[in-house]
């Protein structure tokens, strides 16, 4: 499994951005290879997501696809975008209940 950590600052209307994210969530939930996404926001304007993917290929497809580029990477209100990638260390993660049930089945 592969973990993708996306972080950015949103300088626009944060309430409208959150409404857009809520509307987009059902589409993101159906992405090929996605097991889970955690949506993040600080008390301010720092936002992001933690994605658990089947593999690096699925993460790459999302990061370079139209959905991500339109909503985040080319959004004029998004600044300070960082993306970190990790291979998931599955043995200890399973012990600490960190692998969602959906990750044990193939999508």
Protein backbone atom coordinates (compact mmCIF):
# COMPACT_ATOMS: atom_id res chain seq x y z
CA UNK A 1 0.00 0.00 0.00
CA UNK A 2 0.98 3.58 -0.58
CA UNK A 3 0.28 6.74 1.44
CA UNK A 4 0.08 10.19 -0.11
CA UNK A 5 0.08 13.26 2.15
CA UNK A 6 -1.13 16.46 0.49
CA UNK A 7 -0.95 19.82 2.28
CA UNK A 8 -1.68 23.36 1.10
CA UNK A 9 -2.91 26.79 2.13
CA UNK A 10 -6.26 27.95 0.72
CA UNK A 11 -6.54 31.73 0.39
CA UNK A 12 -10.04 31.94 -1.07
CA UNK A 13 -13.52 31.54 0.41
CA UNK A 14 -12.89 28.60 2.73
CA UNK A 15 -16.60 27.88 3.28
CA UNK A 16 -17.23 27.65 -0.46
CA UNK A 17 -14.12 25.47 -0.82
CA UNK A 18 -15.39 23.13 1.91
CA UNK A 19 -18.80 22.88 0.22
CA UNK A 20 -17.06 21.99 -3.03
CA UNK A 21 -15.00 19.35 -1.25
CA UNK A 22 -18.13 17.82 0.28
CA UNK A 23 -19.74 17.70 -3.15
CA UNK A 24 -16.60 16.11 -4.63
CA UNK A 25 -16.16 13.50 -1.88
CA UNK A 26 -18.48 10.86 -3.45
CA UNK A 27 -16.48 11.05 -6.70
CA UNK A 28 -13.17 10.74 -4.87
CA UNK A 29 -14.52 7.75 -2.95
CA UNK A 30 -14.89 5.84 -6.23
CA UNK A 31 -11.34 6.42 -7.51
CA UNK A 32 -9.61 3.27 -8.67
CA UNK A 33 -7.15 2.09 -6.04
CA UNK A 34 -8.25 4.45 -3.25
CA UNK A 35 -8.87 2.72 0.07
CA UNK A 36 -9.42 5.82 2.20
CA UNK A 37 -8.99 9.58 2.34
CA UNK A 38 -8.79 11.65 5.50
CA UNK A 39 -9.72 15.31 4.93
CA UNK A 40 -7.66 17.78 6.96
CA UNK A 41 -7.97 21.43 8.01
CA UNK A 42 -6.24 23.45 10.69
CA UNK A 43 -8.00 26.21 12.61
CA UNK A 44 -6.80 28.52 9.85
CA UNK A 45 -6.46 28.05 6.12
CA UNK A 46 -4.10 25.07 6.00
CA UNK A 47 -5.85 22.10 4.39
CA UNK A 48 -4.93 18.72 3.00
CA UNK A 49 -5.56 15.05 2.86
CA UNK A 50 -4.07 11.72 3.76
CA UNK A 51 -4.75 9.12 1.07
CA UNK A 52 -4.30 5.38 1.38
CA UNK A 53 -3.81 3.87 -2.08
CA UNK A 54 -3.50 0.34 -3.38
CA UNK A 55 -0.12 1.23 -4.92
CA UNK A 56 2.06 4.09 -6.17
CA UNK A 57 0.55 3.86 -9.65
CA UNK A 58 -2.94 4.70 -8.32
CA UNK A 59 -1.53 7.66 -6.35
CA UNK A 60 0.30 8.92 -9.44
CA UNK A 61 -2.84 8.64 -11.56
CA UNK A 62 -4.78 10.79 -9.10
CA UNK A 63 -2.01 13.36 -8.55
CA UNK A 64 -1.59 13.92 -12.29
CA UNK A 65 -5.26 13.52 -13.21
CA UNK A 66 -7.86 16.11 -14.04
CA UNK A 67 -9.68 15.85 -10.71
CA UNK A 68 -6.66 16.77 -8.56
CA UNK A 69 -5.21 19.35 -10.92
CA UNK A 70 -8.56 21.12 -11.25
CA UNK A 71 -9.41 21.15 -7.56
CA UNK A 72 -5.97 21.67 -6.05
CA UNK A 73 -2.78 21.97 -8.06
CA UNK A 74 -4.01 24.59 -10.57
CA UNK A 75 -6.52 26.27 -8.25
CA UNK A 76 -5.47 29.95 -7.99
CA UNK A 77 -6.54 30.01 -4.31
CA UNK A 78 -4.18 27.15 -3.38
CA UNK A 79 -0.63 28.00 -2.30
CA UNK A 80 2.30 26.25 -0.62
CA UNK A 81 1.30 22.84 -2.00
CA UNK A 82 3.39 19.94 -0.75
CA UNK A 83 2.97 16.27 -1.55
CA UNK A 84 4.81 13.55 0.35
CA UNK A 85 4.77 9.84 -0.52
CA UNK A 86 5.30 6.86 1.73
CA UNK A 87 5.17 3.12 1.37
CA UNK A 88 2.98 1.80 4.17
CA UNK A 89 4.72 -0.34 6.77
CA UNK A 90 1.87 -2.81 7.01
CA UNK A 91 2.88 -5.17 9.85
CA UNK A 92 2.93 -2.67 12.74
CA UNK A 93 0.15 -0.62 11.13
CA UNK A 94 -2.16 -3.65 11.22
CA UNK A 95 -1.42 -4.15 14.92
CA UNK A 96 -2.42 -0.55 15.68
CA UNK A 97 -5.67 -0.86 13.68
CA UNK A 98 -4.47 1.54 11.00
CA UNK A 99 -5.56 -0.41 7.93
CA UNK A 100 -9.22 0.13 6.95
CA UNK A 101 -11.26 -2.95 6.10
CA UNK A 102 -11.61 -1.75 2.50
CA UNK A 103 -7.83 -2.00 2.11
CA UNK A 104 -7.96 -5.76 2.50
CA UNK A 105 -10.14 -6.07 -0.60
CA UNK A 106 -9.20 -5.04 -4.09
CA UNK A 107 -10.95 -2.17 -5.83
